[in-house]
């Protein structure tokens, strides 16, 4: 218990630059309080003291604003940043080195008994306001962007954004990421998002434009072949798709702002 408590405090300094001292973390961080009290309530739950476990969890919720069911299984070095409004259901399982921000819900989608809450593998980061619902698995090292709603499993190393959640990097579906360092040292994305994250809608539209261009070229080749074979195949003029690609306006604006500063 003491070793885990020390780890819970140490991980705060690795993931929150605002942390100043151990005394400050122990006395003013509700996420640390909630995790510590959950260790106690979970121990009571496993030993059959169900009412006592629920009462301890109720007091913790009143004190910290974080609701963790005593039946939830939580790994080591788990950090809840800010924490207000976090809800973790009874059958949720959270691995080591995971991070949750305020407003996160690990909820269920059924009233039936049994496994009905998500499983987060090691190193998962869930951004503020995200909802992960149902008995799904979030793979090791995955990132769930702020305010996303995730209803399907997420592969290891993927980044999910949107409502419903969709994977930003399609290559992550094929890649199995193994984390050598805990979340927060080298590859920690606050709130599950990065400023240079690609726009998935723009990516999809640009891919469709590429597909249409490829089809146009194939049709043009077929028309030429038919005309050479003596079959009259008149060509229908098509509009030009050049310039229809969607650019990241935010990145472009950033570049213009940088250039303006240089001129000054």
Protein backbone atom coordinates (compact mmCIF):
# COMPACT_ATOMS: atom_id res chain seq x y z
CA UNK A 1 0.00 0.00 0.00
CA UNK A 2 2.77 2.44 0.92
CA UNK A 3 4.75 1.61 -2.23
CA UNK A 4 1.72 2.22 -4.43
CA UNK A 5 0.96 5.46 -2.63
CA UNK A 6 4.50 6.69 -3.32
CA UNK A 7 4.12 5.72 -6.99
CA UNK A 8 0.79 7.55 -7.23
CA UNK A 9 2.44 10.71 -5.92
CA UNK A 10 5.54 10.38 -8.10
CA UNK A 11 3.49 9.99 -11.30
CA UNK A 12 1.82 13.35 -10.62
CA UNK A 13 5.14 15.18 -11.04
CA UNK A 14 5.76 13.32 -14.32
CA UNK A 15 2.40 14.30 -15.84
CA UNK A 16 1.45 17.62 -14.25
CA UNK A 17 3.92 20.52 -14.57
CA UNK A 18 1.85 22.51 -12.07
CA UNK A 19 2.79 20.21 -9.18
CA UNK A 20 5.17 22.01 -6.80
CA UNK A 21 5.77 19.74 -3.82
CA UNK A 22 4.81 16.40 -2.29
CA UNK A 23 2.91 18.20 0.47
CA UNK A 24 0.87 20.09 -2.11
CA UNK A 25 0.03 16.89 -4.00
CA UNK A 26 -1.02 15.04 -0.85
CA UNK A 27 -3.18 17.85 0.48
CA UNK A 28 -4.73 19.46 -2.62
CA UNK A 29 -4.97 16.90 -5.43
CA UNK A 30 -8.44 15.28 -5.49
CA UNK A 31 -7.30 12.71 -8.06
CA UNK A 32 -4.70 11.38 -5.63
CA UNK A 33 -7.26 11.36 -2.81
CA UNK A 34 -9.79 9.48 -4.95
CA UNK A 35 -7.30 6.79 -5.97
CA UNK A 36 -6.05 6.34 -2.40
CA UNK A 37 -9.58 6.01 -1.00
CA UNK A 38 -10.49 3.63 -3.83
CA UNK A 39 -7.68 1.31 -2.76
CA UNK A 40 -9.37 1.10 0.62
CA UNK A 41 -12.93 0.70 -0.68
CA UNK A 42 -11.83 -1.89 -3.26
CA UNK A 43 -10.17 -3.92 -0.50
CA UNK A 44 -13.43 -3.90 1.46
CA UNK A 45 -15.35 -4.86 -1.68
CA UNK A 46 -13.14 -7.88 -2.36
CA UNK A 47 -13.48 -9.07 1.23
CA UNK A 48 -17.25 -9.00 1.06
CA UNK A 49 -17.91 -5.77 3.00
CA UNK A 50 -20.02 -4.42 0.16
CA UNK A 51 -22.02 -1.76 2.05
CA UNK A 52 -18.91 -0.40 3.77
CA UNK A 53 -17.12 -0.26 0.40
CA UNK A 54 -19.99 1.66 -1.18
CA UNK A 55 -20.19 4.06 1.76
CA UNK A 56 -16.45 4.79 1.54
CA UNK A 57 -16.84 5.40 -2.22
CA UNK A 58 -19.81 7.68 -1.50
CA UNK A 59 -17.75 9.75 0.93
CA UNK A 60 -14.92 9.92 -1.63
CA UNK A 61 -17.32 11.18 -4.27
CA UNK A 62 -18.66 13.85 -1.94
CA UNK A 63 -15.14 14.92 -1.02
CA UNK A 64 -13.37 14.78 -4.40
CA UNK A 65 -16.11 15.03 -7.04
CA UNK A 66 -14.80 11.76 -8.51
CA UNK A 67 -17.00 8.66 -8.51
CA UNK A 68 -15.19 5.31 -8.62
CA UNK A 69 -17.20 2.18 -7.96
CA UNK A 70 -15.39 0.02 -5.39
CA UNK A 71 -15.62 -2.95 -7.75
CA UNK A 72 -13.48 -1.26 -10.42
CA UNK A 73 -9.96 -2.64 -10.85
CA UNK A 74 -7.25 0.01 -11.09
CA UNK A 75 -3.57 -0.58 -11.83
CA UNK A 76 -0.47 1.22 -10.65
CA UNK A 77 0.50 4.86 -11.23
CA UNK A 78 -3.03 5.85 -12.20
CA UNK A 79 -3.47 9.63 -12.40
CA UNK A 80 -6.71 11.62 -12.54
CA UNK A 81 -5.89 15.22 -13.45
CA UNK A 82 -8.37 17.84 -12.13
CA UNK A 83 -10.87 15.03 -11.77
CA UNK A 84 -14.24 16.72 -11.26
CA UNK A 85 -17.03 14.69 -12.83
CA UNK A 86 -15.03 11.52 -13.50
CA UNK A 87 -17.20 8.37 -13.31
CA UNK A 88 -15.72 4.86 -13.34
CA UNK A 89 -18.15 1.94 -13.37
CA UNK A 90 -18.17 -1.29 -11.39
CA UNK A 91 -16.66 -3.67 -13.96
CA UNK A 92 -14.16 -1.19 -15.42
CA UNK A 93 -10.55 -2.35 -15.56
CA UNK A 94 -7.71 0.18 -15.79
CA UNK A 95 -4.12 -0.88 -16.42
CA UNK A 96 -0.87 0.67 -15.27
CA UNK A 97 0.24 4.23 -16.12
CA UNK A 98 -3.16 5.43 -17.35
CA UNK A 99 -4.31 9.05 -17.21
CA UNK A 100 -7.84 10.44 -17.09
CA UNK A 101 -8.87 14.10 -17.22
CA UNK A 102 -12.00 15.72 -15.79
CA UNK A 103 -15.43 14.74 -17.02
CA UNK A 104 -14.40 11.28 -18.25
CA UNK A 105 -16.97 8.48 -18.05
CA UNK A 106 -16.13 4.79 -18.20
CA UNK A 107 -19.72 3.62 -18.39
CA UNK A 108 -21.89 0.71 -19.39
CA UNK A 109 -24.48 0.29 -22.14
CA UNK A 110 -26.66 -2.41 -20.58
CA UNK A 111 -28.56 -3.11 -17.38
CA UNK A 112 -27.56 -6.78 -17.45
CA UNK A 113 -25.16 -8.22 -14.88
CA UNK A 114 -21.62 -9.12 -15.88
CA UNK A 115 -18.85 -7.24 -17.67
CA UNK A 116 -20.41 -4.02 -18.98
CA UNK A 117 -17.70 -1.37 -18.60
CA UNK A 118 -14.51 -0.70 -20.59
CA UNK A 119 -11.03 -2.13 -20.12
CA UNK A 120 -8.13 0.32 -20.49
CA UNK A 121 -4.76 -1.29 -21.11
CA UNK A 122 -1.45 0.18 -19.96
CA UNK A 123 -0.54 3.75 -20.86
CA UNK A 124 -3.95 4.93 -22.09
CA UNK A 125 -4.72 8.67 -21.97
CA UNK A 126 -8.35 9.82 -21.99
CA UNK A 127 -9.02 13.51 -22.62
CA UNK A 128 -11.47 15.74 -20.77
CA UNK A 129 -15.14 14.98 -21.27
CA UNK A 130 -14.59 11.74 -23.20
CA UNK A 131 -17.09 8.91 -22.81
CA UNK A 132 -16.00 5.30 -23.23
CA UNK A 133 -19.04 3.07 -23.07
CA UNK A 134 -19.57 -0.67 -23.01
CA UNK A 135 -17.37 -3.74 -22.41
CA UNK A 136 -14.79 -2.68 -25.00
CA UNK A 137 -11.00 -2.69 -24.85
CA UNK A 138 -8.81 0.36 -25.35
CA UNK A 139 -5.42 -0.90 -26.50
CA UNK A 140 -2.08 -0.20 -24.91
CA UNK A 141 -0.82 3.35 -25.42
CA UNK A 142 -4.03 4.53 -27.10
CA UNK A 143 -5.24 8.15 -26.88
CA UNK A 144 -8.88 9.21 -26.64
CA UNK A 145 -9.37 12.86 -27.54
CA UNK A 146 -11.40 15.30 -25.46
CA UNK A 147 -15.21 15.00 -25.72
CA UNK A 148 -15.00 11.86 -27.86
CA UNK A 149 -17.60 9.12 -27.52
CA UNK A 150 -16.05 5.68 -27.97
CA UNK A 151 -18.34 2.68 -28.51
CA UNK A 152 -15.98 0.28 -30.30
CA UNK A 153 -12.61 -1.28 -29.38
CA UNK A 154 -9.51 0.82 -30.03
CA UNK A 155 -6.27 -0.83 -31.19
CA UNK A 156 -2.97 -0.29 -29.42
CA UNK A 157 -1.27 3.03 -30.13
CA UNK A 158 -4.25 4.56 -31.94
CA UNK A 159 -5.68 8.04 -31.42
CA UNK A 160 -9.48 8.33 -31.41
CA UNK A 161 -11.46 11.56 -31.82
CA UNK A 162 -15.02 12.56 -32.60
CA UNK A 163 -18.62 11.48 -31.96
CA UNK A 164 -18.78 8.59 -32.49
CA UNK A 165 -15.06 8.06 -32.07
CA UNK A 166 -12.98 7.26 -35.14
CA UNK A 167 -9.30 6.54 -35.49
CA UNK A 168 -7.19 9.44 -36.75
CA UNK A 169 -4.15 7.40 -37.80
CA UNK A 170 -5.27 4.41 -39.87
CA UNK A 171 -1.78 2.90 -39.70
CA UNK A 172 -2.21 2.45 -35.97
CA UNK A 173 -4.65 -0.38 -36.70
CA UNK A 174 -1.77 -2.45 -38.03
CA UNK A 175 0.85 -1.42 -35.50
CA UNK A 176 1.28 -2.90 -32.01
CA UNK A 177 2.87 -0.27 -29.82
CA UNK A 178 4.90 -1.43 -26.83
CA UNK A 179 5.52 1.31 -24.25
CA UNK A 180 8.98 1.14 -22.67
CA UNK A 181 8.42 4.29 -20.64
CA UNK A 182 5.36 5.18 -18.60
CA UNK A 183 2.91 7.67 -20.04
CA UNK A 184 4.12 11.12 -19.27
CA UNK A 185 7.85 10.92 -20.05
CA UNK A 186 8.44 10.83 -23.78
CA UNK A 187 5.13 10.41 -25.60
CA UNK A 188 2.50 11.96 -23.38
CA UNK A 189 -0.23 13.95 -25.10
CA UNK A 190 -2.20 16.12 -22.67
CA UNK A 191 -5.96 15.63 -23.06
CA UNK A 192 -5.28 12.93 -25.66
CA UNK A 193 -4.68 15.49 -28.42
CA UNK A 194 -1.79 17.24 -30.17
CA UNK A 195 -1.69 20.52 -32.07
CA UNK A 196 -0.33 18.83 -35.22
CA UNK A 197 -2.98 16.10 -35.26
CA UNK A 198 -4.33 15.58 -38.83
CA UNK A 199 -7.96 16.33 -39.65
CA UNK A 200 -9.66 12.95 -40.32
CA UNK A 201 -12.46 14.51 -42.39
CA UNK A 202 -10.02 16.33 -44.65
CA UNK A 203 -8.00 13.13 -44.99
CA UNK A 204 -11.09 11.15 -46.06
CA UNK A 205 -12.19 13.76 -48.61
CA UNK A 206 -8.69 14.03 -50.08
CA UNK A 207 -8.54 10.24 -50.43
CA UNK A 208 -11.88 10.27 -52.29
CA UNK A 209 -10.56 12.97 -54.63
CA UNK A 210 -7.50 10.84 -55.35
CA UNK A 211 -9.79 7.90 -56.10
CA UNK A 212 -11.92 9.99 -58.49
CA UNK A 213 -8.79 11.22 -60.32
CA UNK A 214 -7.63 7.62 -60.74
CA UNK A 215 -11.04 6.63 -62.14
CA UNK A 216 -10.97 9.56 -64.60
CA UNK A 217 -7.61 8.39 -65.93
CA UNK A 218 -8.88 4.84 -66.36
CA UNK A 219 -11.99 6.02 -68.22
CA UNK A 220 -9.85 8.22 -70.49
CA UNK A 221 -7.64 5.24 -71.33
CA UNK A 222 -10.71 3.09 -72.13
CA UNK A 223 -12.15 5.82 -74.37
CA UNK A 224 -8.94 6.02 -76.38
CA UNK A 225 -8.83 2.23 -76.72
CA UNK A 226 -12.44 2.09 -77.96
CA UNK A 227 -11.89 4.89 -80.47
CA UNK A 228 -8.77 3.16 -81.82
CA UNK A 229 -10.80 -0.04 -82.22
CA UNK A 230 -13.33 1.79 -84.41
CA UNK A 231 -15.98 2.18 -81.76
CA UNK A 232 -17.15 5.76 -81.51
CA UNK A 233 -16.83 6.87 -77.90
CA UNK A 234 -17.18 10.58 -77.60
CA UNK A 235 -15.34 12.23 -74.79
CA UNK A 236 -17.38 14.18 -72.27
CA UNK A 237 -15.55 17.13 -70.76
CA UNK A 238 -15.05 16.76 -67.03
CA UNK A 239 -14.49 19.46 -64.47
CA UNK A 240 -11.02 19.90 -63.07
CA UNK A 241 -10.58 18.76 -59.46
CA UNK A 242 -7.27 20.53 -58.95
CA UNK A 243 -7.40 22.81 -55.95
CA UNK A 244 -10.28 20.94 -54.30
CA UNK A 245 -8.06 19.36 -51.66
CA UNK A 246 -8.76 20.49 -48.12
CA UNK A 247 -5.86 21.96 -46.19
CA UNK A 248 -5.49 22.31 -42.46
CA UNK A 249 -6.60 25.93 -42.05
CA UNK A 250 -5.34 26.02 -38.48
CA UNK A 251 -1.82 25.05 -39.51
CA UNK A 252 -1.95 27.55 -42.38
CA UNK A 253 -3.05 30.30 -40.02
CA UNK A 254 -0.22 29.41 -37.67
CA UNK A 255 2.26 29.71 -40.51
CA UNK A 256 0.90 33.09 -41.57
CA UNK A 257 1.09 34.33 -38.00
CA UNK A 258 4.71 33.24 -37.77
CA UNK A 259 5.49 35.00 -41.03
CA UNK A 260 3.82 38.17 -39.83
CA UNK A 261 5.91 38.15 -36.68
CA UNK A 262 9.03 37.79 -38.81
CA UNK A 263 8.09 40.85 -40.86
CA UNK A 264 7.71 42.87 -37.68
